[in-house]
Amino acid sequence: MFDVGFWELALIMVVALMVIGPDKLPGLARTTGLWVGKAQAVVKSVKADIDRELAGEELKKSLSGNDEETPDLFAEINQIAEQAKCNFHMDASGKVQVPEPPSTQASKETAKNS
């Protein structure tokens, strides 16, 4: 922000020493340091808030872009669930009976025919 070299800083310190005086200069330097520290903390806090808001906006944009794909996904899940319901049967006692795989059924039929 400011391009202040060693000689410029030394000149500022000499002028401050002459204007303020040697007895009040340490207190003024301490107070100035505290105010600068508080200002830096406020700037850091505001910067963190802005970064959080930008991250939230990016997340909202990325989620809103996926809304078009969501109904297709739900339809596919419902279709798979309906297919799974067709494969399972419930007997009179309320137990779910899982059909045997086709390879097991074929081997049983072959054993019966033999």
PDB file of N, CA and C in Angstrom:
ATOM      1  N   MET A   1       0.834  -1.174   0.000  1.00  0.00           N
ATOM      2  CA  MET A   1       0.000   0.000   0.000  1.00  0.00           C
ATOM      3  C   MET A   1       0.885   1.247   0.000  1.00  0.00           C
ATOM      4  N   PHE A   2       1.706   1.384   1.019  1.00  0.00           N
ATOM      5  CA  PHE A   2       2.656   2.493   1.071  1.00  0.00           C
ATOM      6  C   PHE A   2       4.036   1.924   0.870  1.00  0.00           C
ATOM      7  N   ASP A   3       4.840   2.621   0.111  1.00  0.00           N
ATOM      8  CA  ASP A   3       6.215   2.195  -0.100  1.00  0.00           C
ATOM      9  C   ASP A   3       7.112   3.082   0.761  1.00  0.00           C
ATOM     10  N   VAL A   4       7.256   2.698   2.028  1.00  0.00           N
ATOM     11  CA  VAL A   4       8.030   3.477   2.983  1.00  0.00           C
ATOM     12  C   VAL A   4       9.325   2.731   3.267  1.00  0.00           C
ATOM     13  N   GLY A   5      10.429   3.383   2.991  1.00  0.00           N
ATOM     14  CA  GLY A   5      11.734   2.791   3.241  1.00  0.00           C
ATOM     15  C   GLY A   5      12.257   3.147   4.630  1.00  0.00           C
ATOM     16  N   PHE A   6      13.490   2.716   4.888  1.00  0.00           N
ATOM     17  CA  PHE A   6      14.094   2.958   6.198  1.00  0.00           C
ATOM     18  C   PHE A   6      14.263   4.450   6.469  1.00  0.00           C
ATOM     19  N   TRP A   7      14.761   5.207   5.491  1.00  0.00           N
ATOM     20  CA  TRP A   7      15.041   6.619   5.721  1.00  0.00           C
ATOM     21  C   TRP A   7      13.764   7.430   5.924  1.00  0.00           C
ATOM     22  N   GLU A   8      12.705   7.078   5.202  1.00  0.00           N
ATOM     23  CA  GLU A   8      11.431   7.778   5.408  1.00  0.00           C
ATOM     24  C   GLU A   8      10.897   7.506   6.808  1.00  0.00           C
ATOM     25  N   LEU A   9      11.004   6.260   7.249  1.00  0.00           N
ATOM     26  CA  LEU A   9      10.539   5.893   8.588  1.00  0.00           C
ATOM     27  C   LEU A   9      11.368   6.596   9.658  1.00  0.00           C
ATOM     28  N   ALA A  10      12.688   6.687   9.459  1.00  0.00           N
ATOM     29  CA  ALA A  10      13.557   7.384  10.415  1.00  0.00           C
ATOM     30  C   ALA A  10      13.190   8.862  10.490  1.00  0.00           C
ATOM     31  N   LEU A  11      12.896   9.489   9.361  1.00  0.00           N
ATOM     32  CA  LEU A  11      12.514  10.902   9.341  1.00  0.00           C
ATOM     33  C   LEU A  11      11.201  11.116  10.085  1.00  0.00           C
ATOM     34  N   ILE A  12      10.226  10.204   9.886  1.00  0.00           N
ATOM     35  CA  ILE A  12       8.948  10.303  10.598  1.00  0.00           C
ATOM     36  C   ILE A  12       9.165  10.183  12.098  1.00  0.00           C
ATOM     37  N   MET A  13      10.016   9.274  12.521  1.00  0.00           N
ATOM     38  CA  MET A  13      10.285   9.087  13.960  1.00  0.00           C
ATOM     39  C   MET A  13      10.958  10.327  14.561  1.00  0.00           C
ATOM     40  N   VAL A  14      11.894  10.935  13.854  1.00  0.00           N
ATOM     41  CA  VAL A  14      12.564  12.141  14.369  1.00  0.00           C
ATOM     42  C   VAL A  14      11.565  13.292  14.494  1.00  0.00           C
ATOM     43  N   VAL A  15      10.706  13.454  13.495  1.00  0.00           N
ATOM     44  CA  VAL A  15       9.707  14.532  13.559  1.00  0.00           C
ATOM     45  C   VAL A  15       8.725  14.266  14.701  1.00  0.00           C
ATOM     46  N   ALA A  16       8.295  13.018  14.855  1.00  0.00           N
ATOM     47  CA  ALA A  16       7.371  12.680  15.944  1.00  0.00           C
ATOM     48  C   ALA A  16       8.039  12.928  17.292  1.00  0.00           C
ATOM     49  N   LEU A  17       9.307  12.597  17.420  1.00  0.00           N
ATOM     50  CA  LEU A  17      10.028  12.818  18.677  1.00  0.00           C
ATOM     51  C   LEU A  17      10.108  14.302  19.011  1.00  0.00           C
ATOM     52  N   MET A  18      10.299  15.122  17.987  1.00  0.00           N
ATOM     53  CA  MET A  18      10.409  16.557  18.224  1.00  0.00           C
ATOM     54  C   MET A  18       9.036  17.179  18.521  1.00  0.00           C
ATOM     55  N   VAL A  19       7.965  16.729  17.843  1.00  0.00           N
ATOM     56  CA  VAL A  19       6.646  17.330  18.016  1.00  0.00           C
ATOM     57  C   VAL A  19       5.989  16.840  19.305  1.00  0.00           C
ATOM     58  N   ILE A  20       6.007  15.546  19.553  1.00  0.00           N
ATOM     59  CA  ILE A  20       5.292  14.972  20.689  1.00  0.00           C
ATOM     60  C   ILE A  20       6.138  15.030  21.958  1.00  0.00           C
ATOM     61  N   GLY A  21       7.393  14.786  21.814  1.00  0.00           N
ATOM     62  CA  GLY A  21       8.274  14.805  22.987  1.00  0.00           C
ATOM     63  C   GLY A  21       8.620  13.388  23.407  1.00  0.00           C
ATOM     64  N   PRO A  22       9.768  13.232  24.056  1.00  0.00           N
ATOM     65  CA  PRO A  22      10.244  11.893  24.429  1.00  0.00           C
ATOM     66  C   PRO A  22       9.415  11.232  25.537  1.00  0.00           C
ATOM     67  N   ASP A  23       8.724  11.998  26.358  1.00  0.00           N
ATOM     68  CA  ASP A  23       7.956  11.400  27.452  1.00  0.00           C
ATOM     69  C   ASP A  23       6.616  10.825  26.982  1.00  0.00           C
ATOM     70  N   LYS A  24       5.974  11.399  25.953  1.00  0.00           N
ATOM     71  CA  LYS A  24       4.677  10.918  25.488  1.00  0.00           C
ATOM     72  C   LYS A  24       4.783   9.966  24.292  1.00  0.00           C
ATOM     73  N   LEU A  25       5.940   9.877  23.657  1.00  0.00           N
ATOM     74  CA  LEU A  25       6.086   9.064  22.453  1.00  0.00           C
ATOM     75  C   LEU A  25       5.848   7.567  22.696  1.00  0.00           C
ATOM     76  N   PRO A  26       6.354   6.933  23.769  1.00  0.00           N
ATOM     77  CA  PRO A  26       6.074   5.501  23.979  1.00  0.00           C
ATOM     78  C   PRO A  26       4.581   5.193  24.164  1.00  0.00           C
ATOM     79  N   GLY A  27       3.876   6.046  24.892  1.00  0.00           N
ATOM     80  CA  GLY A  27       2.436   5.841  25.088  1.00  0.00           C
ATOM     81  C   GLY A  27       1.669   5.981  23.779  1.00  0.00           C
ATOM     82  N   LEU A  28       2.042   6.966  22.967  1.00  0.00           N
ATOM     83  CA  LEU A  28       1.403   7.158  21.677  1.00  0.00           C
ATOM     84  C   LEU A  28       1.679   5.974  20.750  1.00  0.00           C
ATOM     85  N   ALA A  29       2.913   5.465  20.766  1.00  0.00           N
ATOM     86  CA  ALA A  29       3.262   4.314  19.931  1.00  0.00           C
ATOM     87  C   ALA A  29       2.460   3.084  20.357  1.00  0.00           C
ATOM     88  N   ARG A  30       2.306   2.888  21.659  1.00  0.00           N
ATOM     89  CA  ARG A  30       1.529   1.752  22.172  1.00  0.00           C
ATOM     90  C   ARG A  30       0.064   1.868  21.756  1.00  0.00           C
ATOM     91  N   THR A  31      -0.525   3.047  21.930  1.00  0.00           N
ATOM     92  CA  THR A  31      -1.921   3.272  21.554  1.00  0.00           C
ATOM     93  C   THR A  31      -2.114   3.087  20.049  1.00  0.00           C
ATOM     94  N   THR A  32      -1.187   3.620  19.262  1.00  0.00           N
ATOM     95  CA  THR A  32      -1.272   3.457  17.812  1.00  0.00           C
ATOM     96  C   THR A  32      -1.182   1.986  17.429  1.00  0.00           C
ATOM     97  N   GLY A  33      -0.306   1.244  18.069  1.00  0.00           N
ATOM     98  CA  GLY A  33      -0.175  -0.189  17.800  1.00  0.00           C
ATOM     99  C   GLY A  33      -1.454  -0.949  18.121  1.00  0.00           C
ATOM    100  N   LEU A  34      -2.105  -0.589  19.244  1.00  0.00           N
ATOM    101  CA  LEU A  34      -3.370  -1.241  19.603  1.00  0.00           C
ATOM    102  C   LEU A  34      -4.459  -0.969  18.567  1.00  0.00           C
ATOM    103  N   TRP A  35      -4.555   0.294  18.125  1.00  0.00           N
ATOM    104  CA  TRP A  35      -5.568   0.634  17.136  1.00  0.00           C
ATOM    105  C   TRP A  35      -5.305  -0.057  15.796  1.00  0.00           C
ATOM    106  N   VAL A  36      -4.054  -0.127  15.402  1.00  0.00           N
ATOM    107  CA  VAL A  36      -3.707  -0.815  14.152  1.00  0.00           C
ATOM    108  C   VAL A  36      -4.043  -2.302  14.268  1.00  0.00           C
ATOM    109  N   GLY A  37      -3.770  -2.903  15.419  1.00  0.00           N
ATOM    110  CA  GLY A  37      -4.102  -4.313  15.633  1.00  0.00           C
ATOM    111  C   GLY A  37      -5.600  -4.562  15.566  1.00  0.00           C
ATOM    112  N   LYS A  38      -6.380  -3.665  16.186  1.00  0.00           N
ATOM    113  CA  LYS A  38      -7.838  -3.802  16.123  1.00  0.00           C
ATOM    114  C   LYS A  38      -8.346  -3.643  14.696  1.00  0.00           C
ATOM    115  N   ALA A  39      -7.778  -2.711  13.958  1.00  0.00           N
ATOM    116  CA  ALA A  39      -8.191  -2.496  12.568  1.00  0.00           C
ATOM    117  C   ALA A  39      -7.869  -3.736  11.728  1.00  0.00           C
ATOM    118  N   GLN A  40      -6.710  -4.334  11.951  1.00  0.00           N
ATOM    119  CA  GLN A  40      -6.354  -5.550  11.217  1.00  0.00           C
ATOM    120  C   GLN A  40      -7.302  -6.689  11.564  1.00  0.00           C
ATOM    121  N   ALA A  41      -7.695  -6.802  12.826  1.00  0.00           N
ATOM    122  CA  ALA A  41      -8.627  -7.857  13.233  1.00  0.00           C
ATOM    123  C   ALA A  41      -9.990  -7.668  12.566  1.00  0.00           C
ATOM    124  N   VAL A  42     -10.456  -6.420  12.476  1.00  0.00           N
ATOM    125  CA  VAL A  42     -11.741  -6.139  11.831  1.00  0.00           C
ATOM    126  C   VAL A  42     -11.663  -6.482  10.346  1.00  0.00           C
ATOM    127  N   VAL A  43     -10.575  -6.091   9.695  1.00  0.00           N
ATOM    128  CA  VAL A  43     -10.412  -6.384   8.273  1.00  0.00           C
ATOM    129  C   VAL A  43     -10.369  -7.896   8.046  1.00  0.00           C
ATOM    130  N   LYS A  44      -9.665  -8.608   8.901  1.00  0.00           N
ATOM    131  CA  LYS A  44      -9.578 -10.068   8.784  1.00  0.00           C
ATOM    132  C   LYS A  44     -10.953 -10.712   8.976  1.00  0.00           C
ATOM    133  N   SER A  45     -11.728 -10.215   9.932  1.00  0.00           N
ATOM    134  CA  SER A  45     -13.067 -10.740  10.184  1.00  0.00           C
ATOM    135  C   SER A  45     -13.998 -10.492   8.992  1.00  0.00           C
ATOM    136  N   VAL A  46     -13.947  -9.292   8.437  1.00  0.00           N
ATOM    137  CA  VAL A  46     -14.789  -8.969   7.285  1.00  0.00           C
ATOM    138  C   VAL A  46     -14.391  -9.833   6.084  1.00  0.00           C
ATOM    139  N   LYS A  47     -13.107 -10.010   5.894  1.00  0.00           N
ATOM    140  CA  LYS A  47     -12.630 -10.841   4.788  1.00  0.00           C
ATOM    141  C   LYS A  47     -13.109 -12.286   4.953  1.00  0.00           C
ATOM    142  N   ALA A  48     -13.065 -12.818   6.169  1.00  0.00           N
ATOM    143  CA  ALA A  48     -13.542 -14.183   6.415  1.00  0.00           C
ATOM    144  C   ALA A  48     -15.043 -14.286   6.159  1.00  0.00           C
ATOM    145  N   ASP A  49     -15.816 -13.273   6.556  1.00  0.00           N
ATOM    146  CA  ASP A  49     -17.260 -13.268   6.298  1.00  0.00           C
ATOM    147  C   ASP A  49     -17.553 -13.260   4.805  1.00  0.00           C
ATOM    148  N   ILE A  50     -16.822 -12.451   4.067  1.00  0.00           N
ATOM    149  CA  ILE A  50     -17.026 -12.386   2.620  1.00  0.00           C
ATOM    150  C   ILE A  50     -16.678 -13.723   1.973  1.00  0.00           C
ATOM    151  N   ASP A  51     -15.581 -14.344   2.397  1.00  0.00           N
ATOM    152  CA  ASP A  51     -15.199 -15.650   1.853  1.00  0.00           C
ATOM    153  C   ASP A  51     -16.256 -16.705   2.143  1.00  0.00           C
ATOM    154  N   ARG A  52     -16.823 -16.669   3.354  1.00  0.00           N
ATOM    155  CA  ARG A  52     -17.890 -17.618   3.706  1.00  0.00           C
ATOM    156  C   ARG A  52     -19.124 -17.412   2.841  1.00  0.00           C
ATOM    157  N   GLU A  53     -19.496 -16.159   2.617  1.00  0.00           N
ATOM    158  CA  GLU A  53     -20.666 -15.864   1.790  1.00  0.00           C
ATOM    159  C   GLU A  53     -20.441 -16.312   0.352  1.00  0.00           C
ATOM    160  N   LEU A  54     -19.253 -16.074  -0.175  1.00  0.00           N
ATOM    161  CA  LEU A  54     -18.958 -16.498  -1.542  1.00  0.00           C
ATOM    162  C   LEU A  54     -18.993 -18.023  -1.655  1.00  0.00           C
ATOM    163  N   ALA A  55     -18.463 -18.712  -0.665  1.00  0.00           N
ATOM    164  CA  ALA A  55     -18.507 -20.169  -0.680  1.00  0.00           C
ATOM    165  C   ALA A  55     -19.942 -20.669  -0.621  1.00  0.00           C
ATOM    166  N   GLY A  56     -20.784 -20.021   0.173  1.00  0.00           N
ATOM    167  CA  GLY A  56     -22.194 -20.388   0.253  1.00  0.00           C
ATOM    168  C   GLY A  56     -22.912 -20.158  -1.069  1.00  0.00           C
ATOM    169  N   GLU A  57     -22.610 -19.052  -1.735  1.00  0.00           N
ATOM    170  CA  GLU A  57     -23.224 -18.766  -3.034  1.00  0.00           C
ATOM    171  C   GLU A  57     -22.793 -19.790  -4.076  1.00  0.00           C
ATOM    172  N   GLU A  58     -21.511 -20.166  -4.054  1.00  0.00           N
ATOM    173  CA  GLU A  58     -21.029 -21.172  -5.003  1.00  0.00           C
ATOM    174  C   GLU A  58     -21.719 -22.506  -4.760  1.00  0.00           C
ATOM    175  N   LEU A  59     -21.926 -22.849  -3.499  1.00  0.00           N
ATOM    176  CA  LEU A  59     -22.616 -24.094  -3.172  1.00  0.00           C
ATOM    177  C   LEU A  59     -24.063 -24.056  -3.660  1.00  0.00           C
ATOM    178  N   LYS A  60     -24.738 -22.932  -3.455  1.00  0.00           N
ATOM    179  CA  LYS A  60     -26.118 -22.795  -3.926  1.00  0.00           C
ATOM    180  C   LYS A  60     -26.195 -22.926  -5.445  1.00  0.00           C
ATOM    181  N   LYS A  61     -25.255 -22.304  -6.148  1.00  0.00           N
ATOM    182  CA  LYS A  61     -25.251 -22.393  -7.608  1.00  0.00           C
ATOM    183  C   LYS A  61     -25.014 -23.819  -8.069  1.00  0.00           C
ATOM    184  N   SER A  62     -24.089 -24.510  -7.418  1.00  0.00           N
ATOM    185  CA  SER A  62     -23.805 -25.883  -7.833  1.00  0.00           C
ATOM    186  C   SER A  62     -24.983 -26.799  -7.533  1.00  0.00           C
ATOM    187  N   LEU A  63     -25.684 -26.564  -6.423  1.00  0.00           N
ATOM    188  CA  LEU A  63     -26.853 -27.380  -6.107  1.00  0.00           C
ATOM    189  C   LEU A  63     -28.027 -27.062  -7.020  1.00  0.00           C
ATOM    190  N   SER A  64     -28.214 -25.803  -7.372  1.00  0.00           N
ATOM    191  CA  SER A  64     -29.326 -25.447  -8.254  1.00  0.00           C
ATOM    192  C   SER A  64     -29.088 -25.964  -9.661  1.00  0.00           C
ATOM    193  N   GLY A  65     -27.852 -26.140 -10.069  1.00  0.00           N
ATOM    194  CA  GLY A  65     -27.542 -26.692 -11.379  1.00  0.00           C
ATOM    195  C   GLY A  65     -27.881 -28.163 -11.474  1.00  0.00           C
ATOM    196  N   ASN A  66     -27.934 -28.877 -10.350  1.00  0.00           N
ATOM    197  CA  ASN A  66     -28.228 -30.300 -10.342  1.00  0.00           C
ATOM    198  C   ASN A  66     -29.716 -30.594 -10.221  1.00  0.00           C
ATOM    199  N   ASP A  67     -30.560 -29.577 -10.099  1.00  0.00           N
ATOM    200  CA  ASP A  67     -31.999 -29.792  -9.928  1.00  0.00           C
ATOM    201  C   ASP A  67     -32.628 -30.472 -11.140  1.00  0.00           C
ATOM    202  N   GLU A  68     -32.091 -30.224 -12.335  1.00  0.00           N
ATOM    203  CA  GLU A  68     -32.671 -30.831 -13.527  1.00  0.00           C
ATOM    204  C   GLU A  68     -32.450 -32.340 -13.534  1.00  0.00           C
ATOM    205  N   GLU A  69     -31.370 -32.812 -12.945  1.00  0.00           N
ATOM    206  CA  GLU A  69     -31.052 -34.234 -12.948  1.00  0.00           C
ATOM    207  C   GLU A  69     -31.765 -34.984 -11.828  1.00  0.00           C
ATOM    208  N   THR A  70     -32.200 -34.305 -10.793  1.00  0.00           N
ATOM    209  CA  THR A  70     -32.782 -34.954  -9.624  1.00  0.00           C
ATOM    210  C   THR A  70     -34.060 -35.714  -9.937  1.00  0.00           C
ATOM    211  N   PRO A  71     -35.043 -35.182 -10.673  1.00  0.00           N
ATOM    212  CA  PRO A  71     -36.256 -35.964 -10.959  1.00  0.00           C
ATOM    213  C   PRO A  71     -35.942 -37.242 -11.733  1.00  0.00           C
ATOM    214  N   ASP A  72     -34.996 -37.191 -12.667  1.00  0.00           N
ATOM    215  CA  ASP A  72     -34.625 -38.390 -13.410  1.00  0.00           C
ATOM    216  C   ASP A  72     -34.059 -39.444 -12.469  1.00  0.00           C
ATOM    217  N   LEU A  73     -33.272 -39.014 -11.512  1.00  0.00           N
ATOM    218  CA  LEU A  73     -32.679 -39.935 -10.553  1.00  0.00           C
ATOM    219  C   LEU A  73     -33.753 -40.579  -9.697  1.00  0.00           C
ATOM    220  N   PHE A  74     -34.725 -39.774  -9.226  1.00  0.00           N
ATOM    221  CA  PHE A  74     -35.810 -40.324  -8.422  1.00  0.00           C
ATOM    222  C   PHE A  74     -36.649 -41.307  -9.237  1.00  0.00           C
ATOM    223  N   ALA A  75     -36.901 -41.002 -10.497  1.00  0.00           N
ATOM    224  CA  ALA A  75     -37.680 -41.904 -11.344  1.00  0.00           C
ATOM    225  C   ALA A  75     -36.951 -43.227 -11.529  1.00  0.00           C
ATOM    226  N   GLU A  76     -35.646 -43.159 -11.704  1.00  0.00           N
ATOM    227  CA  GLU A  76     -34.862 -44.392 -11.873  1.00  0.00           C
ATOM    228  C   GLU A  76     -34.870 -45.225 -10.594  1.00  0.00           C
ATOM    229  N   ILE A  77     -34.751 -44.578  -9.446  1.00  0.00           N
ATOM    230  CA  ILE A  77     -34.781 -45.292  -8.163  1.00  0.00           C
ATOM    231  C   ILE A  77     -36.142 -45.941  -7.953  1.00  0.00           C
ATOM    232  N   ASN A  78     -37.223 -45.215  -8.266  1.00  0.00           N
ATOM    233  CA  ASN A  78     -38.570 -45.783  -8.122  1.00  0.00           C
ATOM    234  C   ASN A  78     -38.770 -46.976  -9.049  1.00  0.00           C
ATOM    235  N   GLN A  79     -38.253 -46.900 -10.254  1.00  0.00           N
ATOM    236  CA  GLN A  79     -38.371 -48.007 -11.197  1.00  0.00           C
ATOM    237  C   GLN A  79     -37.640 -49.248 -10.675  1.00  0.00           C
ATOM    238  N   ILE A  80     -36.449 -49.051 -10.136  1.00  0.00           N
ATOM    239  CA  ILE A  80     -35.698 -50.181  -9.586  1.00  0.00           C
ATOM    240  C   ILE A  80     -36.424 -50.768  -8.385  1.00  0.00           C
ATOM    241  N   ALA A  81     -37.014 -49.908  -7.558  1.00  0.00           N
ATOM    242  CA  ALA A  81     -37.744 -50.393  -6.385  1.00  0.00           C
ATOM    243  C   ALA A  81     -38.972 -51.205  -6.815  1.00  0.00           C
ATOM    244  N   GLU A  82     -39.676 -50.768  -7.846  1.00  0.00           N
ATOM    245  CA  GLU A  82     -40.841 -51.506  -8.330  1.00  0.00           C
ATOM    246  C   GLU A  82     -40.430 -52.867  -8.879  1.00  0.00           C
ATOM    247  N   GLN A  83     -39.310 -52.923  -9.579  1.00  0.00           N
ATOM    248  CA  GLN A  83     -38.817 -54.195 -10.093  1.00  0.00           C
ATOM    249  C   GLN A  83     -38.449 -55.130  -8.948  1.00  0.00           C
ATOM    250  N   ALA A  84     -37.867 -54.561  -7.894  1.00  0.00           N
ATOM    251  CA  ALA A  84     -37.487 -55.391  -6.745  1.00  0.00           C
ATOM    252  C   ALA A  84     -38.733 -55.926  -6.034  1.00  0.00           C
ATOM    253  N   LYS A  85     -39.813 -55.137  -5.974  1.00  0.00           N
ATOM    254  CA  LYS A  85     -41.045 -55.598  -5.326  1.00  0.00           C
ATOM    255  C   LYS A  85     -41.643 -56.781  -6.084  1.00  0.00           C
ATOM    256  N   CYS A  86     -41.524 -56.761  -7.397  1.00  0.00           N
ATOM    257  CA  CYS A  86     -42.097 -57.847  -8.202  1.00  0.00           C
ATOM    258  C   CYS A  86     -41.383 -59.163  -7.953  1.00  0.00           C
ATOM    259  N   ASN A  87     -40.150 -59.119  -7.571  1.00  0.00           N
ATOM    260  CA  ASN A  87     -39.365 -60.336  -7.391  1.00  0.00           C
ATOM    261  C   ASN A  87     -39.594 -60.992  -6.040  1.00  0.00           C
ATOM    262  N   PHE A  88     -40.140 -60.272  -5.073  1.00  0.00           N
ATOM    263  CA  PHE A  88     -40.344 -60.817  -3.739  1.00  0.00           C
ATOM    264  C   PHE A  88     -41.828 -61.099  -3.523  1.00  0.00           C
ATOM    265  N   HIS A  89     -42.115 -62.184  -2.795  1.00  0.00           N
ATOM    266  CA  HIS A  89     -43.494 -62.547  -2.503  1.00  0.00           C
ATOM    267  C   HIS A  89     -43.640 -62.761  -1.007  1.00  0.00           C
ATOM    268  N   MET A  90     -44.839 -62.467  -0.508  1.00  0.00           N
ATOM    269  CA  MET A  90     -45.109 -62.648   0.904  1.00  0.00           C
ATOM    270  C   MET A  90     -46.056 -63.835   1.048  1.00  0.00           C
ATOM    271  N   ASP A  91     -45.693 -64.763   1.958  1.00  0.00           N
ATOM    272  CA  ASP A  91     -46.559 -65.931   2.163  1.00  0.00           C
ATOM    273  C   ASP A  91     -47.651 -65.586   3.163  1.00  0.00           C
ATOM    274  N   ALA A  92     -48.479 -66.562   3.523  1.00  0.00           N
ATOM    275  CA  ALA A  92     -49.637 -66.336   4.400  1.00  0.00           C
ATOM    276  C   ALA A  92     -49.218 -65.895   5.795  1.00  0.00           C
ATOM    277  N   SER A  93     -48.049 -66.316   6.261  1.00  0.00           N
ATOM    278  CA  SER A  93     -47.614 -65.942   7.612  1.00  0.00           C
ATOM    279  C   SER A  93     -47.022 -64.539   7.663  1.00  0.00           C
ATOM    280  N   GLY A  94     -46.843 -63.905   6.515  1.00  0.00           N
ATOM    281  CA  GLY A  94     -46.312 -62.549   6.492  1.00  0.00           C
ATOM    282  C   GLY A  94     -44.815 -62.502   6.270  1.00  0.00           C
ATOM    283  N   LYS A  95     -44.205 -63.673   6.025  1.00  0.00           N
ATOM    284  CA  LYS A  95     -42.770 -63.695   5.767  1.00  0.00           C
ATOM    285  C   LYS A  95     -42.515 -63.445   4.291  1.00  0.00           C
ATOM    286  N   VAL A  96     -41.453 -62.744   4.018  1.00  0.00           N
ATOM    287  CA  VAL A  96     -41.091 -62.459   2.639  1.00  0.00           C
ATOM    288  C   VAL A  96     -40.305 -63.632   2.098  1.00  0.00           C
ATOM    289  N   GLN A  97     -40.718 -64.118   0.956  1.00  0.00           N
ATOM    290  CA  GLN A  97     -40.015 -65.218   0.314  1.00  0.00           C
ATOM    291  C   GLN A  97     -39.237 -64.675  -0.877  1.00  0.00           C
ATOM    292  N   VAL A  98     -37.961 -64.942  -0.873  1.00  0.00           N
ATOM    293  CA  VAL A  98     -37.099 -64.496  -1.952  1.00  0.00           C
ATOM    294  C   VAL A  98     -37.035 -65.603  -2.982  1.00  0.00           C
ATOM    295  N   PRO A  99     -37.292 -65.299  -4.239  1.00  0.00           N
ATOM    296  CA  PRO A  99     -37.216 -66.348  -5.248  1.00  0.00           C
ATOM    297  C   PRO A  99     -35.779 -66.823  -5.425  1.00  0.00           C
ATOM    298  N   GLU A 100     -35.646 -68.082  -5.781  1.00  0.00           N
ATOM    299  CA  GLU A 100     -34.315 -68.638  -5.983  1.00  0.00           C
ATOM    300  C   GLU A 100     -33.759 -68.130  -7.304  1.00  0.00           C
ATOM    301  N   PRO A 101     -32.452 -68.023  -7.391  1.00  0.00           N
ATOM    302  CA  PRO A 101     -31.856 -67.588  -8.653  1.00  0.00           C
ATOM    303  C   PRO A 101     -32.187 -68.576  -9.760  1.00  0.00           C
ATOM    304  N   PRO A 102     -32.230 -68.137 -11.018  1.00  0.00           N
ATOM    305  CA  PRO A 102     -32.594 -69.022 -12.125  1.00  0.00           C
ATOM    306  C   PRO A 102     -31.684 -70.243 -12.246  1.00  0.00           C
ATOM    307  N   SER A 103     -30.436 -70.124 -11.926  1.00  0.00           N
ATOM    308  CA  SER A 103     -29.533 -71.269 -12.054  1.00  0.00           C
ATOM    309  C   SER A 103     -29.917 -72.368 -11.059  1.00  0.00           C
ATOM    310  N   THR A 104     -30.379 -71.998  -9.862  1.00  0.00           N
ATOM    311  CA  THR A 104     -30.785 -72.989  -8.861  1.00  0.00           C
ATOM    312  C   THR A 104     -32.077 -73.666  -9.295  1.00  0.00           C
ATOM    313  N   GLN A 105     -33.009 -72.894  -9.858  1.00  0.00           N
ATOM    314  CA  GLN A 105     -34.269 -73.461 -10.323  1.00  0.00           C
ATOM    315  C   GLN A 105     -34.016 -74.446 -11.461  1.00  0.00           C
ATOM    316  N   ALA A 106     -33.134 -74.128 -12.354  1.00  0.00           N
ATOM    317  CA  ALA A 106     -32.848 -75.016 -13.482  1.00  0.00           C
ATOM    318  C   ALA A 106     -32.229 -76.320 -13.005  1.00  0.00           C
ATOM    319  N   SER A 107     -31.354 -76.241 -12.001  1.00  0.00           N
ATOM    320  CA  SER A 107     -30.713 -77.460 -11.506  1.00  0.00           C
ATOM    321  C   SER A 107     -31.729 -78.349 -10.781  1.00  0.00           C
ATOM    322  N   LYS A 108     -32.716 -77.751 -10.082  1.00  0.00           N
ATOM    323  CA  LYS A 108     -33.763 -78.536  -9.408  1.00  0.00           C
ATOM    324  C   LYS A 108     -34.642 -79.244 -10.439  1.00  0.00           C
ATOM    325  N   GLU A 109     -34.985 -78.538 -11.514  1.00  0.00           N
ATOM    326  CA  GLU A 109     -35.832 -79.132 -12.555  1.00  0.00           C
ATOM    327  C   GLU A 109     -35.100 -80.277 -13.233  1.00  0.00           C
ATOM    328  N   THR A 110     -33.816 -80.117 -13.429  1.00  0.00           N
ATOM    329  CA  THR A 110     -33.035 -81.176 -14.040  1.00  0.00           C
ATOM    330  C   THR A 110     -32.978 -82.383 -13.132  1.00  0.00           C
ATOM    331  N   ALA A 111     -32.872 -82.150 -11.825  1.00  0.00           N
ATOM    332  CA  ALA A 111     -32.825 -83.259 -10.866  1.00  0.00           C
ATOM    333  C   ALA A 111     -34.163 -83.984 -10.823  1.00  0.00           C
ATOM    334  N   LYS A 112     -35.283 -83.260 -10.948  1.00  0.00           N
ATOM    335  CA  LYS A 112     -36.609 -83.871 -10.929  1.00  0.00           C
ATOM    336  C   LYS A 112     -36.825 -84.753 -12.177  1.00  0.00           C
ATOM    337  N   ASN A 113     -36.345 -84.278 -13.304  1.00  0.00           N
ATOM    338  CA  ASN A 113     -36.540 -84.983 -14.560  1.00  0.00           C
ATOM    339  C   ASN A 113     -35.665 -86.243 -14.655  1.00  0.00           C
ATOM    340  N   SER A 114     -34.621 -86.298 -13.903  1.00  0.00           N
ATOM    341  CA  SER A 114     -33.694 -87.439 -13.985  1.00  0.00           C
ATOM    342  C   SER A 114     -34.141 -88.619 -13.190  1.00  0.00           C
TER     343      SER A 114
END
